[in-house]
Amino acid sequence: MSADAPGPTGIDELLDRVRAGYERIDAPSAHRAAGGSGALLVDIRYQALRERDGLIPGALVIERNELEWRLDPQGSHRVPEATGHDLQIVVICNEGYASSLAAASLHQLGLHRATDLIGGFQAWKAAGLPVVRPARGPRTG
């Protein structure tokens, strides 16, 4: 390692650094953005959590390991909703940690309006916002 190379970064420091790069959003604001300005809510929780806790109506389910491929507007594996780099995307994980790293990754793809939900799905649910039980399967990308 050279003298100019940064030392190891812990996860808390990494989260602080990536979160400083964009404005995060709370649950009521995310709900309004999805309803009013057409923000795309993207649920990256794994299936067991979705089955246990339910789904946000209208949210697109894309598991974390496929996120960049599905939301890159220039990608060959994109979902139809990935219409351009100006799309407002709100990434939702269970508690708001993994979603921060995911939003930062989307910024690297040029999706400059990507953000994440502070507190994740649990904050959405605690705010009393709509949640539905999965039926035949969630809408996936």
N, C-alpha and C. Protein backbone atom coordinates (compact mmCIF):
# COMPACT_ATOMS: atom_id res chain seq x y z
N MET A 1 0.84 -1.17 0.00
CA MET A 1 0.00 0.00 0.00
C MET A 1 0.89 1.24 0.00
N SER A 2 0.58 2.19 -0.86
CA SER A 2 1.38 3.40 -0.94
C SER A 2 1.00 4.33 0.21
N ALA A 3 1.86 5.30 0.46
CA ALA A 3 1.62 6.25 1.55
C ALA A 3 0.39 7.11 1.27
N ASP A 4 0.02 7.28 -0.02
CA ASP A 4 -1.14 8.10 -0.39
C ASP A 4 -2.44 7.32 -0.39
N ALA A 5 -2.38 5.99 -0.36
CA ALA A 5 -3.59 5.18 -0.41
C ALA A 5 -4.31 5.24 0.93
N PRO A 6 -5.63 5.34 0.88
CA PRO A 6 -6.37 5.38 2.15
C PRO A 6 -6.31 4.03 2.85
N GLY A 7 -6.40 4.06 4.16
CA GLY A 7 -6.41 2.83 4.94
C GLY A 7 -7.76 2.16 4.87
N PRO A 8 -7.91 1.07 5.56
CA PRO A 8 -9.19 0.36 5.56
C PRO A 8 -10.32 1.25 6.09
N THR A 9 -11.49 1.04 5.54
CA THR A 9 -12.68 1.79 5.95
C THR A 9 -13.64 0.82 6.59
N GLY A 10 -14.16 1.15 7.74
CA GLY A 10 -15.20 0.35 8.36
C GLY A 10 -16.55 0.66 7.73
N ILE A 11 -17.53 -0.20 7.95
CA ILE A 11 -18.84 -0.02 7.34
C ILE A 11 -19.52 1.26 7.81
N ASP A 12 -19.37 1.63 9.07
CA ASP A 12 -20.01 2.86 9.54
C ASP A 12 -19.46 4.08 8.82
N GLU A 13 -18.14 4.11 8.63
CA GLU A 13 -17.52 5.22 7.90
C GLU A 13 -17.95 5.22 6.44
N LEU A 14 -18.01 4.04 5.85
CA LEU A 14 -18.45 3.93 4.46
C LEU A 14 -19.89 4.43 4.31
N LEU A 15 -20.77 4.02 5.21
CA LEU A 15 -22.16 4.50 5.15
C LEU A 15 -22.22 6.02 5.27
N ASP A 16 -21.48 6.58 6.22
CA ASP A 16 -21.47 8.04 6.37
C ASP A 16 -21.01 8.72 5.09
N ARG A 17 -19.98 8.17 4.46
CA ARG A 17 -19.44 8.77 3.25
C ARG A 17 -20.42 8.70 2.09
N VAL A 18 -21.03 7.53 1.85
CA VAL A 18 -21.95 7.43 0.71
C VAL A 18 -23.23 8.23 0.97
N ARG A 19 -23.70 8.26 2.20
CA ARG A 19 -24.92 9.01 2.51
C ARG A 19 -24.71 10.51 2.36
N ALA A 20 -23.48 10.97 2.53
CA ALA A 20 -23.19 12.40 2.36
C ALA A 20 -23.28 12.81 0.89
N GLY A 21 -23.31 11.83 -0.01
CA GLY A 21 -23.34 12.11 -1.44
C GLY A 21 -24.72 12.34 -2.02
N TYR A 22 -25.76 12.16 -1.24
CA TYR A 22 -27.11 12.39 -1.73
C TYR A 22 -28.04 12.63 -0.55
N GLU A 23 -29.25 13.12 -0.85
CA GLU A 23 -30.23 13.38 0.21
C GLU A 23 -31.14 12.17 0.36
N ARG A 24 -31.18 11.62 1.57
CA ARG A 24 -32.04 10.47 1.85
C ARG A 24 -33.48 10.95 2.05
N ILE A 25 -34.43 10.04 2.06
CA ILE A 25 -35.83 10.40 2.12
C ILE A 25 -36.54 9.61 3.22
N ASP A 26 -37.47 10.24 3.93
CA ASP A 26 -38.22 9.51 4.96
C ASP A 26 -39.46 8.86 4.34
N ALA A 27 -40.12 8.02 5.11
CA ALA A 27 -41.24 7.23 4.59
C ALA A 27 -42.39 8.09 4.06
N PRO A 28 -42.89 9.08 4.83
CA PRO A 28 -43.99 9.88 4.29
C PRO A 28 -43.60 10.61 2.99
N SER A 29 -42.37 11.09 2.91
CA SER A 29 -41.92 11.78 1.69
C SER A 29 -41.83 10.81 0.52
N ALA A 30 -41.37 9.60 0.77
CA ALA A 30 -41.29 8.58 -0.28
C ALA A 30 -42.69 8.23 -0.79
N HIS A 31 -43.63 8.12 0.13
CA HIS A 31 -45.01 7.82 -0.24
C HIS A 31 -45.58 8.92 -1.13
N ARG A 32 -45.34 10.16 -0.74
CA ARG A 32 -45.81 11.30 -1.54
C ARG A 32 -45.13 11.33 -2.91
N ALA A 33 -43.82 11.09 -2.92
CA ALA A 33 -43.07 11.13 -4.18
C ALA A 33 -43.56 10.06 -5.16
N ALA A 34 -43.87 8.89 -4.64
CA ALA A 34 -44.35 7.81 -5.51
C ALA A 34 -45.73 8.16 -6.07
N GLY A 35 -46.55 8.78 -5.25
CA GLY A 35 -47.90 9.12 -5.69
C GLY A 35 -47.97 10.38 -6.52
N GLY A 36 -47.12 11.35 -6.21
CA GLY A 36 -47.21 12.64 -6.88
C GLY A 36 -46.28 12.81 -8.06
N SER A 37 -45.00 12.59 -7.85
CA SER A 37 -44.04 12.87 -8.91
C SER A 37 -43.59 11.62 -9.65
N GLY A 38 -44.21 10.50 -9.34
CA GLY A 38 -43.89 9.28 -10.09
C GLY A 38 -42.58 8.63 -9.73
N ALA A 39 -42.09 8.87 -8.52
CA ALA A 39 -40.85 8.21 -8.09
C ALA A 39 -41.05 6.70 -8.13
N LEU A 40 -40.02 6.00 -8.48
CA LEU A 40 -40.04 4.54 -8.53
C LEU A 40 -39.54 3.99 -7.20
N LEU A 41 -40.42 3.32 -6.46
CA LEU A 41 -40.02 2.65 -5.23
C LEU A 41 -39.49 1.28 -5.60
N VAL A 42 -38.30 0.95 -5.12
CA VAL A 42 -37.67 -0.33 -5.46
C VAL A 42 -37.31 -1.07 -4.17
N ASP A 43 -37.96 -2.20 -3.97
CA ASP A 43 -37.79 -3.03 -2.79
C ASP A 43 -36.70 -4.06 -3.08
N ILE A 44 -35.58 -3.97 -2.35
CA ILE A 44 -34.46 -4.90 -2.57
C ILE A 44 -34.38 -5.98 -1.49
N ARG A 45 -35.38 -6.06 -0.61
CA ARG A 45 -35.35 -7.07 0.45
C ARG A 45 -35.43 -8.47 -0.15
N TYR A 46 -34.87 -9.42 0.54
CA TYR A 46 -34.93 -10.79 0.05
C TYR A 46 -36.31 -11.38 0.32
N GLN A 47 -36.63 -12.42 -0.39
CA GLN A 47 -37.97 -12.99 -0.41
C GLN A 47 -38.52 -13.33 0.97
N ALA A 48 -37.72 -13.89 1.83
CA ALA A 48 -38.21 -14.28 3.16
C ALA A 48 -38.75 -13.07 3.93
N LEU A 49 -38.09 -11.92 3.81
CA LEU A 49 -38.58 -10.71 4.49
C LEU A 49 -39.86 -10.20 3.85
N ARG A 50 -39.94 -10.26 2.53
CA ARG A 50 -41.17 -9.82 1.85
C ARG A 50 -42.34 -10.71 2.25
N GLU A 51 -42.08 -12.00 2.34
CA GLU A 51 -43.15 -12.93 2.74
C GLU A 51 -43.55 -12.72 4.19
N ARG A 52 -42.58 -12.45 5.05
CA ARG A 52 -42.86 -12.25 6.47
C ARG A 52 -43.59 -10.94 6.74
N ASP A 53 -43.11 -9.84 6.14
CA ASP A 53 -43.58 -8.51 6.50
C ASP A 53 -44.55 -7.88 5.52
N GLY A 54 -44.60 -8.38 4.30
CA GLY A 54 -45.48 -7.81 3.29
C GLY A 54 -44.74 -6.94 2.29
N LEU A 55 -45.53 -6.30 1.45
CA LEU A 55 -45.02 -5.50 0.34
C LEU A 55 -45.59 -4.09 0.36
N ILE A 56 -44.87 -3.18 -0.22
CA ILE A 56 -45.37 -1.83 -0.43
C ILE A 56 -46.12 -1.84 -1.76
N PRO A 57 -47.41 -1.49 -1.75
CA PRO A 57 -48.16 -1.50 -3.01
C PRO A 57 -47.50 -0.63 -4.07
N GLY A 58 -47.34 -1.19 -5.25
CA GLY A 58 -46.76 -0.45 -6.36
C GLY A 58 -45.25 -0.47 -6.42
N ALA A 59 -44.58 -0.95 -5.38
CA ALA A 59 -43.11 -0.99 -5.40
C ALA A 59 -42.65 -2.10 -6.34
N LEU A 60 -41.59 -1.83 -7.04
CA LEU A 60 -40.97 -2.80 -7.92
C LEU A 60 -39.99 -3.63 -7.09
N VAL A 61 -40.12 -4.94 -7.12
CA VAL A 61 -39.21 -5.81 -6.38
C VAL A 61 -38.05 -6.20 -7.29
N ILE A 62 -36.85 -5.82 -6.87
CA ILE A 62 -35.63 -6.22 -7.57
C ILE A 62 -34.64 -6.61 -6.48
N GLU A 63 -34.30 -7.86 -6.41
CA GLU A 63 -33.36 -8.27 -5.38
C GLU A 63 -32.02 -7.58 -5.60
N ARG A 64 -31.32 -7.35 -4.52
CA ARG A 64 -30.10 -6.52 -4.53
C ARG A 64 -29.08 -6.96 -5.56
N ASN A 65 -28.91 -8.26 -5.76
CA ASN A 65 -27.87 -8.72 -6.68
C ASN A 65 -28.20 -8.44 -8.14
N GLU A 66 -29.40 -7.96 -8.46
CA GLU A 66 -29.77 -7.63 -9.84
C GLU A 66 -30.01 -6.14 -10.06
N LEU A 67 -29.91 -5.36 -9.02
CA LEU A 67 -30.35 -3.97 -9.05
C LEU A 67 -29.74 -3.15 -10.19
N GLU A 68 -28.43 -3.13 -10.29
CA GLU A 68 -27.77 -2.30 -11.30
C GLU A 68 -28.15 -2.74 -12.71
N TRP A 69 -28.24 -4.03 -12.94
CA TRP A 69 -28.57 -4.54 -14.27
C TRP A 69 -30.00 -4.17 -14.66
N ARG A 70 -30.90 -4.15 -13.70
CA ARG A 70 -32.31 -3.87 -13.98
C ARG A 70 -32.62 -2.39 -14.10
N LEU A 71 -31.85 -1.54 -13.42
CA LEU A 71 -32.16 -0.11 -13.42
C LEU A 71 -31.28 0.74 -14.31
N ASP A 72 -30.26 0.18 -14.91
CA ASP A 72 -29.41 0.93 -15.83
C ASP A 72 -30.20 1.21 -17.10
N PRO A 73 -30.52 2.48 -17.38
CA PRO A 73 -31.33 2.81 -18.56
C PRO A 73 -30.67 2.39 -19.87
N GLN A 74 -29.36 2.17 -19.86
CA GLN A 74 -28.64 1.77 -21.06
C GLN A 74 -28.39 0.27 -21.11
N GLY A 75 -28.80 -0.45 -20.07
CA GLY A 75 -28.49 -1.87 -19.96
C GLY A 75 -29.42 -2.75 -20.78
N SER A 76 -28.89 -3.87 -21.19
CA SER A 76 -29.68 -4.81 -21.99
C SER A 76 -30.68 -5.60 -21.13
N HIS A 77 -30.52 -5.58 -19.81
CA HIS A 77 -31.41 -6.34 -18.92
C HIS A 77 -32.31 -5.42 -18.09
N ARG A 78 -32.46 -4.19 -18.54
CA ARG A 78 -33.23 -3.21 -17.76
C ARG A 78 -34.73 -3.55 -17.75
N VAL A 79 -35.39 -3.08 -16.70
CA VAL A 79 -36.84 -3.18 -16.61
C VAL A 79 -37.46 -2.04 -17.42
N PRO A 80 -38.70 -2.18 -17.86
CA PRO A 80 -39.33 -1.10 -18.64
C PRO A 80 -39.38 0.23 -17.89
N GLU A 81 -39.42 0.17 -16.57
CA GLU A 81 -39.49 1.40 -15.77
C GLU A 81 -38.18 2.19 -15.79
N ALA A 82 -37.08 1.59 -16.19
CA ALA A 82 -35.77 2.26 -16.24
C ALA A 82 -35.69 3.12 -17.49
N THR A 83 -36.37 4.25 -17.44
CA THR A 83 -36.58 5.08 -18.62
C THR A 83 -35.50 6.12 -18.88
N GLY A 84 -34.68 6.42 -17.91
CA GLY A 84 -33.65 7.43 -18.12
C GLY A 84 -32.90 7.72 -16.84
N HIS A 85 -31.81 8.46 -17.00
CA HIS A 85 -30.95 8.78 -15.85
C HIS A 85 -31.57 9.79 -14.90
N ASP A 86 -32.64 10.45 -15.31
CA ASP A 86 -33.28 11.45 -14.46
C ASP A 86 -34.40 10.86 -13.60
N LEU A 87 -34.62 9.57 -13.69
CA LEU A 87 -35.67 8.90 -12.93
C LEU A 87 -35.39 9.00 -11.43
N GLN A 88 -36.41 9.36 -10.67
CA GLN A 88 -36.25 9.37 -9.21
C GLN A 88 -36.51 7.95 -8.71
N ILE A 89 -35.52 7.39 -8.05
CA ILE A 89 -35.59 6.03 -7.54
C ILE A 89 -35.40 6.08 -6.03
N VAL A 90 -36.28 5.39 -5.30
CA VAL A 90 -36.15 5.27 -3.85
C VAL A 90 -35.91 3.79 -3.55
N VAL A 91 -34.70 3.46 -3.13
CA VAL A 91 -34.34 2.08 -2.82
C VAL A 91 -34.74 1.78 -1.38
N ILE A 92 -35.37 0.61 -1.20
CA ILE A 92 -35.88 0.24 0.11
C ILE A 92 -35.35 -1.13 0.50
N CYS A 93 -34.65 -1.19 1.62
CA CYS A 93 -34.23 -2.47 2.19
C CYS A 93 -35.03 -2.65 3.48
N ASN A 94 -34.60 -3.52 4.35
CA ASN A 94 -35.37 -3.77 5.56
C ASN A 94 -35.27 -2.63 6.57
N GLU A 95 -34.04 -2.13 6.83
CA GLU A 95 -33.87 -1.10 7.85
C GLU A 95 -33.10 0.13 7.40
N GLY A 96 -32.74 0.22 6.12
CA GLY A 96 -32.09 1.43 5.62
C GLY A 96 -30.58 1.43 5.62
N TYR A 97 -29.97 0.26 5.61
CA TYR A 97 -28.51 0.19 5.54
C TYR A 97 -28.05 -0.26 4.15
N ALA A 98 -28.46 -1.45 3.75
CA ALA A 98 -28.07 -1.95 2.42
C ALA A 98 -28.56 -1.02 1.32
N SER A 99 -29.70 -0.38 1.55
CA SER A 99 -30.25 0.52 0.53
C SER A 99 -29.35 1.74 0.31
N SER A 100 -28.63 2.16 1.33
CA SER A 100 -27.71 3.29 1.17
C SER A 100 -26.57 2.93 0.22
N LEU A 101 -26.02 1.74 0.39
CA LEU A 101 -24.95 1.29 -0.50
C LEU A 101 -25.49 1.09 -1.92
N ALA A 102 -26.72 0.58 -2.02
CA ALA A 102 -27.33 0.37 -3.33
C ALA A 102 -27.57 1.70 -4.04
N ALA A 103 -28.06 2.70 -3.32
CA ALA A 103 -28.29 4.02 -3.93
C ALA A 103 -26.99 4.63 -4.41
N ALA A 104 -25.93 4.47 -3.63
CA ALA A 104 -24.62 4.99 -4.05
C ALA A 104 -24.16 4.30 -5.33
N SER A 105 -24.42 3.01 -5.44
CA SER A 105 -24.05 2.28 -6.65
C SER A 105 -24.84 2.79 -7.86
N LEU A 106 -26.11 3.09 -7.66
CA LEU A 106 -26.91 3.64 -8.75
C LEU A 106 -26.41 5.01 -9.18
N HIS A 107 -25.92 5.80 -8.23
CA HIS A 107 -25.31 7.09 -8.58
C HIS A 107 -24.12 6.88 -9.50
N GLN A 108 -23.35 5.84 -9.27
CA GLN A 108 -22.19 5.56 -10.12
C GLN A 108 -22.61 5.22 -11.54
N LEU A 109 -23.84 4.75 -11.72
CA LEU A 109 -24.38 4.47 -13.05
C LEU A 109 -24.97 5.71 -13.71
N GLY A 110 -24.94 6.84 -13.00
CA GLY A 110 -25.49 8.08 -13.54
C GLY A 110 -26.93 8.34 -13.15
N LEU A 111 -27.49 7.52 -12.28
CA LEU A 111 -28.86 7.73 -11.80
C LEU A 111 -28.80 8.70 -10.63
N HIS A 112 -28.62 9.97 -10.96
CA HIS A 112 -28.30 11.01 -9.97
C HIS A 112 -29.44 11.32 -9.01
N ARG A 113 -30.65 10.87 -9.28
CA ARG A 113 -31.78 11.13 -8.37
C ARG A 113 -32.09 9.92 -7.49
N ALA A 114 -31.23 8.90 -7.54
CA ALA A 114 -31.45 7.73 -6.68
C ALA A 114 -31.20 8.11 -5.22
N THR A 115 -32.02 7.57 -4.36
CA THR A 115 -31.90 7.79 -2.93
C THR A 115 -32.34 6.52 -2.23
N ASP A 116 -32.37 6.56 -0.91
CA ASP A 116 -32.89 5.41 -0.17
C ASP A 116 -33.78 5.88 0.95
N LEU A 117 -34.57 4.94 1.44
CA LEU A 117 -35.55 5.21 2.48
C LEU A 117 -34.90 5.10 3.85
N ILE A 118 -34.90 6.19 4.60
CA ILE A 118 -34.36 6.19 5.95
C ILE A 118 -35.17 5.20 6.80
N GLY A 119 -34.51 4.23 7.39
CA GLY A 119 -35.20 3.25 8.21
C GLY A 119 -35.81 2.10 7.45
N GLY A 120 -35.74 2.15 6.12
CA GLY A 120 -36.20 1.05 5.28
C GLY A 120 -37.68 0.71 5.43
N PHE A 121 -37.98 -0.52 5.04
CA PHE A 121 -39.36 -1.00 5.09
C PHE A 121 -39.95 -0.88 6.49
N GLN A 122 -39.12 -1.12 7.50
CA GLN A 122 -39.62 -1.06 8.87
C GLN A 122 -40.12 0.34 9.22
N ALA A 123 -39.45 1.38 8.71
CA ALA A 123 -39.91 2.75 8.95
C ALA A 123 -41.20 3.02 8.19
N TRP A 124 -41.31 2.48 6.98
CA TRP A 124 -42.53 2.62 6.19
C TRP A 124 -43.72 2.04 6.97
N LYS A 125 -43.52 0.83 7.44
CA LYS A 125 -44.57 0.12 8.19
C LYS A 125 -44.92 0.87 9.49
N ALA A 126 -43.89 1.32 10.21
CA ALA A 126 -44.10 2.04 11.47
C ALA A 126 -44.85 3.36 11.25
N ALA A 127 -44.70 3.95 10.07
CA ALA A 127 -45.39 5.20 9.76
C ALA A 127 -46.86 4.96 9.40
N GLY A 128 -47.26 3.70 9.37
CA GLY A 128 -48.65 3.38 9.05
C GLY A 128 -48.99 3.49 7.58
N LEU A 129 -47.97 3.45 6.73
CA LEU A 129 -48.20 3.54 5.29
C LEU A 129 -48.64 2.18 4.74
N PRO A 130 -49.23 2.15 3.56
CA PRO A 130 -49.82 0.92 3.04
C PRO A 130 -48.82 -0.23 2.90
N VAL A 131 -49.26 -1.40 3.36
CA VAL A 131 -48.50 -2.64 3.23
C VAL A 131 -49.52 -3.72 2.88
N VAL A 132 -49.17 -4.56 1.94
CA VAL A 132 -50.05 -5.68 1.57
C VAL A 132 -49.30 -6.99 1.73
N ARG A 133 -50.06 -8.03 1.97
CA ARG A 133 -49.48 -9.38 2.02
C ARG A 133 -49.22 -9.82 0.60
N PRO A 134 -48.13 -10.53 0.35
CA PRO A 134 -47.89 -11.03 -1.01
C PRO A 134 -48.98 -12.02 -1.41
N ALA A 135 -49.47 -11.88 -2.62
CA ALA A 135 -50.51 -12.78 -3.11
C ALA A 135 -49.85 -13.86 -3.96
N ARG A 136 -50.06 -13.77 -5.25
CA ARG A 136 -49.50 -14.76 -6.17
C ARG A 136 -48.02 -14.51 -6.41
N GLY A 137 -47.49 -13.50 -5.85
CA GLY A 137 -46.09 -13.14 -6.07
C GLY A 137 -45.98 -11.67 -6.35
N PRO A 138 -44.93 -11.04 -5.88
CA PRO A 138 -44.77 -9.60 -6.07
C PRO A 138 -44.44 -9.26 -7.52
N ARG A 139 -44.68 -8.02 -7.87
CA ARG A 139 -44.27 -7.49 -9.16
C ARG A 139 -42.76 -7.42 -9.15
N THR A 140 -42.10 -8.14 -10.02
CA THR A 140 -40.65 -8.16 -10.01
C THR A 140 -40.09 -7.64 -11.32
N GLY A 141 -38.84 -7.24 -11.24
CA GLY A 141 -38.18 -6.69 -12.41
C GLY A 141 -37.19 -7.63 -13.01
